[in-house]
Amino acid sequence: MPIAGLIYGPEFHHLDHLAPLCALLEIPLILTEDKLAALAEKFYPDLKILHWHPHEAPEKLVTSFDTIIYSTPRVLFDEVFFFAQRLHNKRIRTIWCPHGNSDKGRNSSFMEALQDEELLLTYGPRIEAFLQEKGVTAPTKRVGNYRLAYYEKHREFYDSLLPKKKLSLLYAPTWQDRENNSSFPKIWPLLLKAPKEFSLFVKLHPHLYQQFPEEIATLKKEGVQFIKDFPPIYSLLAKMDLYIGDMSSIGYDFLAFKRPMVLLTPSELTKAGRYVPPKE
């Protein structure tokens, strides 16, 4: 049964989830964006890449594979590949792979859109309980933290990508979605006041570059260091002494290193640790 991963279009935030999985499974990853293909080739040394033009992807995919692993709902897949499937009288089996393990989505209908999936990959019981809470009854397959396993498999390669200098802080906010989960709109001016004895790095969700171009331009002009076009998150987190974030799944990734973190959340919920009001 021929199987492949798929990122159709410029979904850059899906790369570090599908590339390690495909590499570990020894299956190809289909990409349709030139820049995405270049990043995949640079940062995932044992990944087999199929770089196809968007217009030829439906025909080639349907005639070459029976099963596809992706990180979008089935309805979006069928918008692109419906006619090719109909032409060849063939339905592609799809498997959904999560692109992160964040606390977002409780007030949106994204998870409900997964009801029609044939199989859902999960990290563990937490996301499985969330799916049940959302009424999603599609079958699941637990795969664990395969991204950490992939980083550890290639630790020598990944640890050589970034030098470790002085005390390093990472601010990695999520994008401003309908739930207003991002801390960036309120926090960004404070980045200009970061103590000089620290190395502050900022890794934004790709959508933030479209949402707040003027604010980001100001930060760049003042010398704030942005981490962009660097998808392997564990390689970056390994060099950080402190993580600052909000509802981004990177906070869960950083737990593997057992180092301090500060979470800037939109509400004062019951949590582990000590709650610090934003004004402090």
C-alpha atoms as a PDB file:
ATOM      1  CA  MET A   1       0.000   0.000   0.000  1.00  0.00           C
ATOM      2  CA  PRO A   2       1.934   3.086  -1.197  1.00  0.00           C
ATOM      3  CA  ILE A   3       1.843   5.830   1.438  1.00  0.00           C
ATOM      4  CA  ALA A   4       3.249   9.367   1.646  1.00  0.00           C
ATOM      5  CA  GLY A   5       3.015  12.538   3.685  1.00  0.00           C
ATOM      6  CA  LEU A   6       1.619  15.723   2.150  1.00  0.00           C
ATOM      7  CA  ILE A   7       1.938  19.461   2.676  1.00  0.00           C
ATOM      8  CA  TYR A   8      -0.015  21.183  -0.087  1.00  0.00           C
ATOM      9  CA  GLY A   9       0.698  24.895  -0.225  1.00  0.00           C
ATOM     10  CA  PRO A  10       2.682  27.177   2.100  1.00  0.00           C
ATOM     11  CA  GLU A  11       1.818  25.491   5.407  1.00  0.00           C
ATOM     12  CA  PHE A  12       5.281  26.055   6.846  1.00  0.00           C
ATOM     13  CA  HIS A  13       4.190  25.272  10.406  1.00  0.00           C
ATOM     14  CA  HIS A  14       3.337  21.710   9.360  1.00  0.00           C
ATOM     15  CA  LEU A  15       6.865  20.833   8.242  1.00  0.00           C
ATOM     16  CA  ASP A  16       8.397  19.978  11.619  1.00  0.00           C
ATOM     17  CA  HIS A  17       5.505  17.620  12.322  1.00  0.00           C
ATOM     18  CA  LEU A  18       5.260  15.729   9.047  1.00  0.00           C
ATOM     19  CA  ALA A  19       8.947  15.661   8.049  1.00  0.00           C
ATOM     20  CA  PRO A  20      10.185  13.760  11.149  1.00  0.00           C
ATOM     21  CA  LEU A  21       7.245  11.358  10.950  1.00  0.00           C
ATOM     22  CA  CYS A  22       7.819  10.590   7.269  1.00  0.00           C
ATOM     23  CA  ALA A  23      11.556  10.173   7.816  1.00  0.00           C
ATOM     24  CA  LEU A  24      11.029   7.749  10.705  1.00  0.00           C
ATOM     25  CA  LEU A  25       8.464   5.786   8.679  1.00  0.00           C
ATOM     26  CA  GLU A  26      10.790   5.862   5.654  1.00  0.00           C
ATOM     27  CA  ILE A  27       8.078   7.259   3.398  1.00  0.00           C
ATOM     28  CA  PRO A  28       8.275  10.326   1.101  1.00  0.00           C
ATOM     29  CA  LEU A  29       6.876  13.760   1.892  1.00  0.00           C
ATOM     30  CA  ILE A  30       5.117  15.532  -0.984  1.00  0.00           C
ATOM     31  CA  LEU A  31       5.678  19.303  -1.087  1.00  0.00           C
ATOM     32  CA  THR A  32       4.391  21.891  -3.560  1.00  0.00           C
ATOM     33  CA  GLU A  33       6.219  25.027  -2.338  1.00  0.00           C
ATOM     34  CA  ASP A  34       9.782  25.752  -3.482  1.00  0.00           C
ATOM     35  CA  LYS A  35      10.815  27.351  -0.192  1.00  0.00           C
ATOM     36  CA  LEU A  36       9.277  24.569   1.848  1.00  0.00           C
ATOM     37  CA  ALA A  37      11.122  21.960  -0.199  1.00  0.00           C
ATOM     38  CA  ALA A  38      14.401  23.825   0.331  1.00  0.00           C
ATOM     39  CA  LEU A  39      13.847  23.943   4.102  1.00  0.00           C
ATOM     40  CA  ALA A  40      12.975  20.258   4.192  1.00  0.00           C
ATOM     41  CA  GLU A  41      16.137  19.339   2.314  1.00  0.00           C
ATOM     42  CA  LYS A  42      18.277  21.514   4.583  1.00  0.00           C
ATOM     43  CA  PHE A  43      16.943  20.480   7.983  1.00  0.00           C
ATOM     44  CA  TYR A  44      15.827  16.841   7.622  1.00  0.00           C
ATOM     45  CA  PRO A  45      18.830  14.933   6.279  1.00  0.00           C
ATOM     46  CA  ASP A  46      17.235  11.505   5.793  1.00  0.00           C
ATOM     47  CA  LEU A  47      13.868  12.672   4.445  1.00  0.00           C
ATOM     48  CA  LYS A  48      12.785  11.611   0.965  1.00  0.00           C
ATOM     49  CA  ILE A  49      11.201  14.636  -0.719  1.00  0.00           C
ATOM     50  CA  LEU A  50       8.821  14.690  -3.680  1.00  0.00           C
ATOM     51  CA  HIS A  51       8.696  18.289  -4.901  1.00  0.00           C
ATOM     52  CA  TRP A  52       5.741  18.635  -7.258  1.00  0.00           C
ATOM     53  CA  HIS A  53       4.132  21.618  -8.945  1.00  0.00           C
ATOM     54  CA  PRO A  54       0.714  22.351  -7.381  1.00  0.00           C
ATOM     55  CA  HIS A  55      -1.064  21.794 -10.691  1.00  0.00           C
ATOM     56  CA  GLU A  56       0.419  18.346 -11.233  1.00  0.00           C
ATOM     57  CA  ALA A  57       0.131  17.188  -7.620  1.00  0.00           C
ATOM     58  CA  PRO A  58      -3.484  15.876  -7.764  1.00  0.00           C
ATOM     59  CA  GLU A  59      -2.881  13.609 -10.765  1.00  0.00           C
ATOM     60  CA  LYS A  60       0.497  12.344  -9.553  1.00  0.00           C
ATOM     61  CA  LEU A  61      -0.679  11.762  -6.006  1.00  0.00           C
ATOM     62  CA  VAL A  62      -3.810   9.814  -6.926  1.00  0.00           C
ATOM     63  CA  THR A  63      -1.973   7.604  -9.414  1.00  0.00           C
ATOM     64  CA  SER A  64       1.042   7.000  -7.154  1.00  0.00           C
ATOM     65  CA  PHE A  65      -0.337   6.532  -3.646  1.00  0.00           C
ATOM     66  CA  ASP A  66      -3.222   4.916  -1.795  1.00  0.00           C
ATOM     67  CA  THR A  67      -2.776   6.578   1.610  1.00  0.00           C
ATOM     68  CA  ILE A  68      -1.785  10.124   2.577  1.00  0.00           C
ATOM     69  CA  ILE A  69      -0.740  11.529   5.962  1.00  0.00           C
ATOM     70  CA  TYR A  70      -1.458  15.244   6.362  1.00  0.00           C
ATOM     71  CA  SER A  71      -2.266  17.885   8.998  1.00  0.00           C
ATOM     72  CA  THR A  72      -5.427  19.409   7.515  1.00  0.00           C
ATOM     73  CA  PRO A  73      -9.055  18.224   7.639  1.00  0.00           C
ATOM     74  CA  ARG A  74     -10.318  15.867   4.938  1.00  0.00           C
ATOM     75  CA  VAL A  75     -12.626  18.532   3.520  1.00  0.00           C
ATOM     76  CA  LEU A  76      -9.623  20.682   2.547  1.00  0.00           C
ATOM     77  CA  PHE A  77      -7.899  17.694   0.960  1.00  0.00           C
ATOM     78  CA  ASP A  78     -10.952  16.917  -1.165  1.00  0.00           C
ATOM     79  CA  GLU A  79     -11.185  20.523  -2.363  1.00  0.00           C
ATOM     80  CA  VAL A  80      -7.899  19.966  -4.216  1.00  0.00           C
ATOM     81  CA  PHE A  81      -7.929  16.244  -4.995  1.00  0.00           C
ATOM     82  CA  PHE A  82     -11.627  15.530  -5.593  1.00  0.00           C
ATOM     83  CA  PHE A  83     -11.539  15.617  -9.401  1.00  0.00           C
ATOM     84  CA  ALA A  84      -8.406  13.474  -9.675  1.00  0.00           C
ATOM     85  CA  GLN A  85      -9.984  10.879  -7.394  1.00  0.00           C
ATOM     86  CA  ARG A  86     -13.204  10.976  -9.400  1.00  0.00           C
ATOM     87  CA  LEU A  87     -11.341  10.718 -12.698  1.00  0.00           C
ATOM     88  CA  HIS A  88      -9.521   7.580 -11.585  1.00  0.00           C
ATOM     89  CA  ASN A  89     -12.473   6.197  -9.605  1.00  0.00           C
ATOM     90  CA  LYS A  90     -10.226   5.987  -6.561  1.00  0.00           C
ATOM     91  CA  ARG A  91     -10.637   7.312  -3.030  1.00  0.00           C
ATOM     92  CA  ILE A  92      -7.390   8.152  -1.264  1.00  0.00           C
ATOM     93  CA  ARG A  93      -7.248   6.982   2.349  1.00  0.00           C
ATOM     94  CA  THR A  94      -6.186   9.840   4.616  1.00  0.00           C
ATOM     95  CA  ILE A  95      -4.566   9.893   8.049  1.00  0.00           C
ATOM     96  CA  TRP A  96      -4.543  13.078  10.120  1.00  0.00           C
ATOM     97  CA  CYS A  97      -1.365  14.064  11.945  1.00  0.00           C
ATOM     98  CA  PRO A  98      -1.593  16.806  14.613  1.00  0.00           C
ATOM     99  CA  HIS A  99       0.654  19.826  14.181  1.00  0.00           C
ATOM    100  CA  GLY A 100       1.238  20.539  17.831  1.00  0.00           C
ATOM    101  CA  ASN A 101      -0.208  19.770  21.238  1.00  0.00           C
ATOM    102  CA  SER A 102      -1.470  23.172  22.346  1.00  0.00           C
ATOM    103  CA  ASP A 103      -4.443  24.236  24.459  1.00  0.00           C
ATOM    104  CA  LYS A 104      -6.138  26.002  21.561  1.00  0.00           C
ATOM    105  CA  GLY A 105      -9.315  24.951  19.812  1.00  0.00           C
ATOM    106  CA  ARG A 106     -11.699  24.645  22.747  1.00  0.00           C
ATOM    107  CA  ASN A 107     -13.831  27.542  21.501  1.00  0.00           C
ATOM    108  CA  SER A 108     -13.560  26.781  17.785  1.00  0.00           C
ATOM    109  CA  SER A 109     -14.845  23.985  15.568  1.00  0.00           C
ATOM    110  CA  PHE A 110     -11.501  22.822  14.141  1.00  0.00           C
ATOM    111  CA  MET A 111     -11.482  19.500  15.969  1.00  0.00           C
ATOM    112  CA  GLU A 112     -15.084  18.759  15.011  1.00  0.00           C
ATOM    113  CA  ALA A 113     -13.973  18.914  11.367  1.00  0.00           C
ATOM    114  CA  LEU A 114     -11.909  15.765  11.979  1.00  0.00           C
ATOM    115  CA  GLN A 115     -14.990  13.596  12.403  1.00  0.00           C
ATOM    116  CA  ASP A 116     -14.743  12.309   8.815  1.00  0.00           C
ATOM    117  CA  GLU A 117     -11.104  11.204   9.101  1.00  0.00           C
ATOM    118  CA  GLU A 118     -10.353   7.515   8.694  1.00  0.00           C
ATOM    119  CA  LEU A 119      -7.575   7.576  11.288  1.00  0.00           C
ATOM    120  CA  LEU A 120      -6.229  10.195  13.701  1.00  0.00           C
ATOM    121  CA  LEU A 121      -2.675  10.067  15.007  1.00  0.00           C
ATOM    122  CA  THR A 122      -2.306  11.215  18.618  1.00  0.00           C
ATOM    123  CA  TYR A 123       0.570  11.956  20.980  1.00  0.00           C
ATOM    124  CA  GLY A 124      -1.125  10.426  24.010  1.00  0.00           C
ATOM    125  CA  PRO A 125      -4.176  10.441  26.300  1.00  0.00           C
ATOM    126  CA  ARG A 126      -4.477  14.220  26.598  1.00  0.00           C
ATOM    127  CA  ILE A 127      -5.309  14.886  22.947  1.00  0.00           C
ATOM    128  CA  GLU A 128      -7.458  11.742  22.834  1.00  0.00           C
ATOM    129  CA  ALA A 129      -9.568  13.068  25.711  1.00  0.00           C
ATOM    130  CA  PHE A 130      -9.852  16.421  23.921  1.00  0.00           C
ATOM    131  CA  LEU A 131     -11.108  14.705  20.764  1.00  0.00           C
ATOM    132  CA  GLN A 132     -13.729  12.825  22.777  1.00  0.00           C
ATOM    133  CA  GLU A 133     -14.739  16.072  24.469  1.00  0.00           C
ATOM    134  CA  LYS A 134     -15.307  17.539  20.998  1.00  0.00           C
ATOM    135  CA  GLY A 135     -17.442  14.571  19.962  1.00  0.00           C
ATOM    136  CA  VAL A 136     -14.908  13.192  17.475  1.00  0.00           C
ATOM    137  CA  THR A 137     -15.291   9.412  17.322  1.00  0.00           C
ATOM    138  CA  ALA A 138     -12.872   8.626  14.480  1.00  0.00           C
ATOM    139  CA  PRO A 139     -10.367   5.853  15.320  1.00  0.00           C
ATOM    140  CA  THR A 140      -7.013   6.901  16.776  1.00  0.00           C
ATOM    141  CA  LYS A 141      -3.460   5.573  16.776  1.00  0.00           C
ATOM    142  CA  ARG A 142      -1.046   6.727  19.486  1.00  0.00           C
ATOM    143  CA  VAL A 143       2.424   7.593  18.139  1.00  0.00           C
ATOM    144  CA  GLY A 144       3.986   9.364  21.134  1.00  0.00           C
ATOM    145  CA  ASN A 145       6.528  12.168  20.899  1.00  0.00           C
ATOM    146  CA  TYR A 146       8.157  11.049  17.662  1.00  0.00           C
ATOM    147  CA  ARG A 147       9.596  14.531  17.017  1.00  0.00           C
ATOM    148  CA  LEU A 148      11.716  14.309  20.164  1.00  0.00           C
ATOM    149  CA  ALA A 149      12.790  10.805  19.137  1.00  0.00           C
ATOM    150  CA  TYR A 150      13.801  12.135  15.725  1.00  0.00           C
ATOM    151  CA  TYR A 151      15.812  14.965  17.303  1.00  0.00           C
ATOM    152  CA  GLU A 152      17.612  12.522  19.590  1.00  0.00           C
ATOM    153  CA  LYS A 153      18.353  10.243  16.639  1.00  0.00           C
ATOM    154  CA  HIS A 154      20.065  13.148  14.845  1.00  0.00           C
ATOM    155  CA  ARG A 155      21.241  15.074  17.912  1.00  0.00           C
ATOM    156  CA  GLU A 156      24.794  15.604  16.649  1.00  0.00           C
ATOM    157  CA  PHE A 157      23.512  17.151  13.421  1.00  0.00           C
ATOM    158  CA  TYR A 158      20.904  19.366  15.088  1.00  0.00           C
ATOM    159  CA  ASP A 159      23.087  20.540  17.956  1.00  0.00           C
ATOM    160  CA  SER A 160      25.643  21.786  15.435  1.00  0.00           C
ATOM    161  CA  LEU A 161      23.155  24.139  13.761  1.00  0.00           C
ATOM    162  CA  LEU A 162      23.047  26.786  16.498  1.00  0.00           C
ATOM    163  CA  PRO A 163      25.890  28.011  18.729  1.00  0.00           C
ATOM    164  CA  LYS A 164      25.272  28.340  22.467  1.00  0.00           C
ATOM    165  CA  LYS A 165      26.327  31.723  23.811  1.00  0.00           C
ATOM    166  CA  LYS A 166      25.187  33.542  26.948  1.00  0.00           C
ATOM    167  CA  LEU A 167      21.932  32.974  28.816  1.00  0.00           C
ATOM    168  CA  SER A 168      19.308  32.492  26.111  1.00  0.00           C
ATOM    169  CA  LEU A 169      15.597  33.269  26.272  1.00  0.00           C
ATOM    170  CA  LEU A 170      13.031  32.247  23.666  1.00  0.00           C
ATOM    171  CA  TYR A 171       9.734  34.056  23.145  1.00  0.00           C
ATOM    172  CA  ALA A 172       7.511  31.988  20.850  1.00  0.00           C
ATOM    173  CA  PRO A 173       3.896  33.219  20.701  1.00  0.00           C
ATOM    174  CA  THR A 174       1.083  31.649  18.766  1.00  0.00           C
ATOM    175  CA  TRP A 175      -0.904  33.560  16.144  1.00  0.00           C
ATOM    176  CA  GLN A 176      -3.918  35.751  16.874  1.00  0.00           C
ATOM    177  CA  ASP A 177      -6.803  33.412  16.097  1.00  0.00           C
ATOM    178  CA  ARG A 178     -10.528  33.779  16.796  1.00  0.00           C
ATOM    179  CA  GLU A 179      -9.905  32.812  20.415  1.00  0.00           C
ATOM    180  CA  ASN A 180      -7.423  35.696  20.855  1.00  0.00           C
ATOM    181  CA  ASN A 181      -4.775  33.297  22.109  1.00  0.00           C
ATOM    182  CA  SER A 182      -1.710  35.302  21.113  1.00  0.00           C
ATOM    183  CA  SER A 183       0.218  37.365  23.647  1.00  0.00           C
ATOM    184  CA  PHE A 184       2.128  39.186  20.902  1.00  0.00           C
ATOM    185  CA  PRO A 185      -0.242  42.191  20.428  1.00  0.00           C
ATOM    186  CA  LYS A 186       0.251  43.228  24.069  1.00  0.00           C
ATOM    187  CA  ILE A 187       3.780  41.984  24.716  1.00  0.00           C
ATOM    188  CA  TRP A 188       5.724  43.115  21.669  1.00  0.00           C
ATOM    189  CA  PRO A 189       6.754  46.586  23.030  1.00  0.00           C
ATOM    190  CA  LEU A 190       8.378  44.885  26.035  1.00  0.00           C
ATOM    191  CA  LEU A 191      10.746  43.026  23.723  1.00  0.00           C
ATOM    192  CA  LEU A 192      12.539  46.320  23.158  1.00  0.00           C
ATOM    193  CA  LYS A 193      13.359  46.474  26.873  1.00  0.00           C
ATOM    194  CA  ALA A 194      14.924  43.027  27.253  1.00  0.00           C
ATOM    195  CA  PRO A 195      18.020  43.042  29.532  1.00  0.00           C
ATOM    196  CA  LYS A 196      21.244  43.119  27.541  1.00  0.00           C
ATOM    197  CA  GLU A 197      22.822  40.353  29.616  1.00  0.00           C
ATOM    198  CA  PHE A 198      20.391  37.920  27.996  1.00  0.00           C
ATOM    199  CA  SER A 199      20.212  36.719  24.407  1.00  0.00           C
ATOM    200  CA  LEU A 200      16.544  37.101  23.488  1.00  0.00           C
ATOM    201  CA  PHE A 201      15.289  35.147  20.490  1.00  0.00           C
ATOM    202  CA  VAL A 202      11.803  35.513  19.018  1.00  0.00           C
ATOM    203  CA  LYS A 203      10.166  32.730  17.020  1.00  0.00           C
ATOM    204  CA  LEU A 204       6.786  33.795  15.679  1.00  0.00           C
ATOM    205  CA  HIS A 205       3.994  31.666  14.325  1.00  0.00           C
ATOM    206  CA  PRO A 206       4.088  32.219  10.523  1.00  0.00           C
ATOM    207  CA  HIS A 207       0.641  33.855  10.541  1.00  0.00           C
ATOM    208  CA  LEU A 208       1.872  36.667  12.807  1.00  0.00           C
ATOM    209  CA  TYR A 209       4.076  38.029  10.019  1.00  0.00           C
ATOM    210  CA  GLN A 210       0.916  38.789   8.041  1.00  0.00           C
ATOM    211  CA  GLN A 211      -1.076  39.998  11.039  1.00  0.00           C
ATOM    212  CA  PHE A 212       1.430  42.451  12.557  1.00  0.00           C
ATOM    213  CA  PRO A 213       3.900  43.549   9.854  1.00  0.00           C
ATOM    214  CA  GLU A 214       4.448  47.072  11.223  1.00  0.00           C
ATOM    215  CA  GLU A 215       5.151  45.929  14.774  1.00  0.00           C
ATOM    216  CA  ILE A 216       7.561  43.265  13.545  1.00  0.00           C
ATOM    217  CA  ALA A 217       9.335  45.786  11.313  1.00  0.00           C
ATOM    218  CA  THR A 218       9.830  48.043  14.342  1.00  0.00           C
ATOM    219  CA  LEU A 219      11.310  45.205  16.380  1.00  0.00           C
ATOM    220  CA  LYS A 220      13.674  44.234  13.576  1.00  0.00           C
ATOM    221  CA  LYS A 221      14.793  47.835  13.175  1.00  0.00           C
ATOM    222  CA  GLU A 222      15.683  47.927  16.875  1.00  0.00           C
ATOM    223  CA  GLY A 223      17.770  44.771  16.602  1.00  0.00           C
ATOM    224  CA  VAL A 224      15.459  42.137  18.073  1.00  0.00           C
ATOM    225  CA  GLN A 225      16.657  38.690  16.933  1.00  0.00           C
ATOM    226  CA  PHE A 226      14.008  36.736  15.048  1.00  0.00           C
ATOM    227  CA  ILE A 227      14.251  33.013  14.350  1.00  0.00           C
ATOM    228  CA  LYS A 228      12.669  32.474  10.944  1.00  0.00           C
ATOM    229  CA  ASP A 229      12.939  29.697   8.376  1.00  0.00           C
ATOM    230  CA  PHE A 230      14.242  27.350  11.074  1.00  0.00           C
ATOM    231  CA  PRO A 231      11.596  24.634  11.517  1.00  0.00           C
ATOM    232  CA  PRO A 232      13.323  21.998  13.764  1.00  0.00           C
ATOM    233  CA  ILE A 233      12.007  23.160  17.130  1.00  0.00           C
ATOM    234  CA  TYR A 234      13.911  20.751  19.377  1.00  0.00           C
ATOM    235  CA  SER A 235      17.219  21.901  17.921  1.00  0.00           C
ATOM    236  CA  LEU A 236      16.282  25.440  18.959  1.00  0.00           C
ATOM    237  CA  LEU A 237      14.847  24.574  22.369  1.00  0.00           C
ATOM    238  CA  ALA A 238      17.949  22.592  23.307  1.00  0.00           C
ATOM    239  CA  LYS A 239      19.927  25.859  23.358  1.00  0.00           C
ATOM    240  CA  MET A 240      17.404  27.852  25.416  1.00  0.00           C
ATOM    241  CA  ASP A 241      17.536  28.438  29.172  1.00  0.00           C
ATOM    242  CA  LEU A 242      14.025  29.889  29.481  1.00  0.00           C
ATOM    243  CA  TYR A 243      10.884  29.658  27.353  1.00  0.00           C
ATOM    244  CA  ILE A 244       8.280  32.443  27.213  1.00  0.00           C
ATOM    245  CA  GLY A 245       5.047  31.660  25.398  1.00  0.00           C
ATOM    246  CA  ASP A 246       1.269  31.551  25.501  1.00  0.00           C
ATOM    247  CA  MET A 247      -1.037  28.935  23.982  1.00  0.00           C
ATOM    248  CA  SER A 248       1.550  27.666  21.520  1.00  0.00           C
ATOM    249  CA  SER A 249       2.321  23.950  21.501  1.00  0.00           C
ATOM    250  CA  ILE A 250       6.023  24.803  21.852  1.00  0.00           C
ATOM    251  CA  GLY A 251       5.452  25.019  25.599  1.00  0.00           C
ATOM    252  CA  TYR A 252       4.704  21.301  25.659  1.00  0.00           C
ATOM    253  CA  ASP A 253       7.791  20.618  23.552  1.00  0.00           C
ATOM    254  CA  PHE A 254       9.946  22.537  26.036  1.00  0.00           C
ATOM    255  CA  LEU A 255       8.823  20.282  28.899  1.00  0.00           C
ATOM    256  CA  ALA A 256      11.252  17.656  27.604  1.00  0.00           C
ATOM    257  CA  PHE A 257      14.188  19.814  28.744  1.00  0.00           C
ATOM    258  CA  LYS A 258      12.880  20.399  32.303  1.00  0.00           C
ATOM    259  CA  ARG A 259      13.814  24.075  32.297  1.00  0.00           C
ATOM    260  CA  PRO A 260      11.869  27.156  33.470  1.00  0.00           C
ATOM    261  CA  MET A 261       9.079  28.613  31.386  1.00  0.00           C
ATOM    262  CA  VAL A 262       6.757  31.607  31.593  1.00  0.00           C
ATOM    263  CA  LEU A 263       3.281  31.259  30.084  1.00  0.00           C
ATOM    264  CA  LEU A 264       1.370  34.408  29.119  1.00  0.00           C
ATOM    265  CA  THR A 265      -2.221  33.194  29.022  1.00  0.00           C
ATOM    266  CA  PRO A 266      -5.357  35.268  28.361  1.00  0.00           C
ATOM    267  CA  SER A 267      -7.153  34.195  31.537  1.00  0.00           C
ATOM    268  CA  GLU A 268      -6.369  33.326  35.131  1.00  0.00           C
ATOM    269  CA  LEU A 269      -7.121  29.606  35.070  1.00  0.00           C
ATOM    270  CA  THR A 270      -6.105  26.990  37.614  1.00  0.00           C
ATOM    271  CA  LYS A 271      -2.644  25.832  36.594  1.00  0.00           C
ATOM    272  CA  ALA A 272       0.520  24.332  37.931  1.00  0.00           C
ATOM    273  CA  GLY A 273       3.086  26.860  39.061  1.00  0.00           C
ATOM    274  CA  ARG A 274       2.464  30.465  40.106  1.00  0.00           C
ATOM    275  CA  TYR A 275       0.176  32.838  38.254  1.00  0.00           C
ATOM    276  CA  VAL A 276       1.811  36.159  37.389  1.00  0.00           C
ATOM    277  CA  PRO A 277      -0.531  38.961  36.221  1.00  0.00           C
ATOM    278  CA  PRO A 278       0.544  40.487  32.869  1.00  0.00           C
ATOM    279  CA  LYS A 279       1.249  43.892  34.468  1.00  0.00           C
ATOM    280  CA  GLU A 280       3.984  42.271  36.573  1.00  0.00           C
END
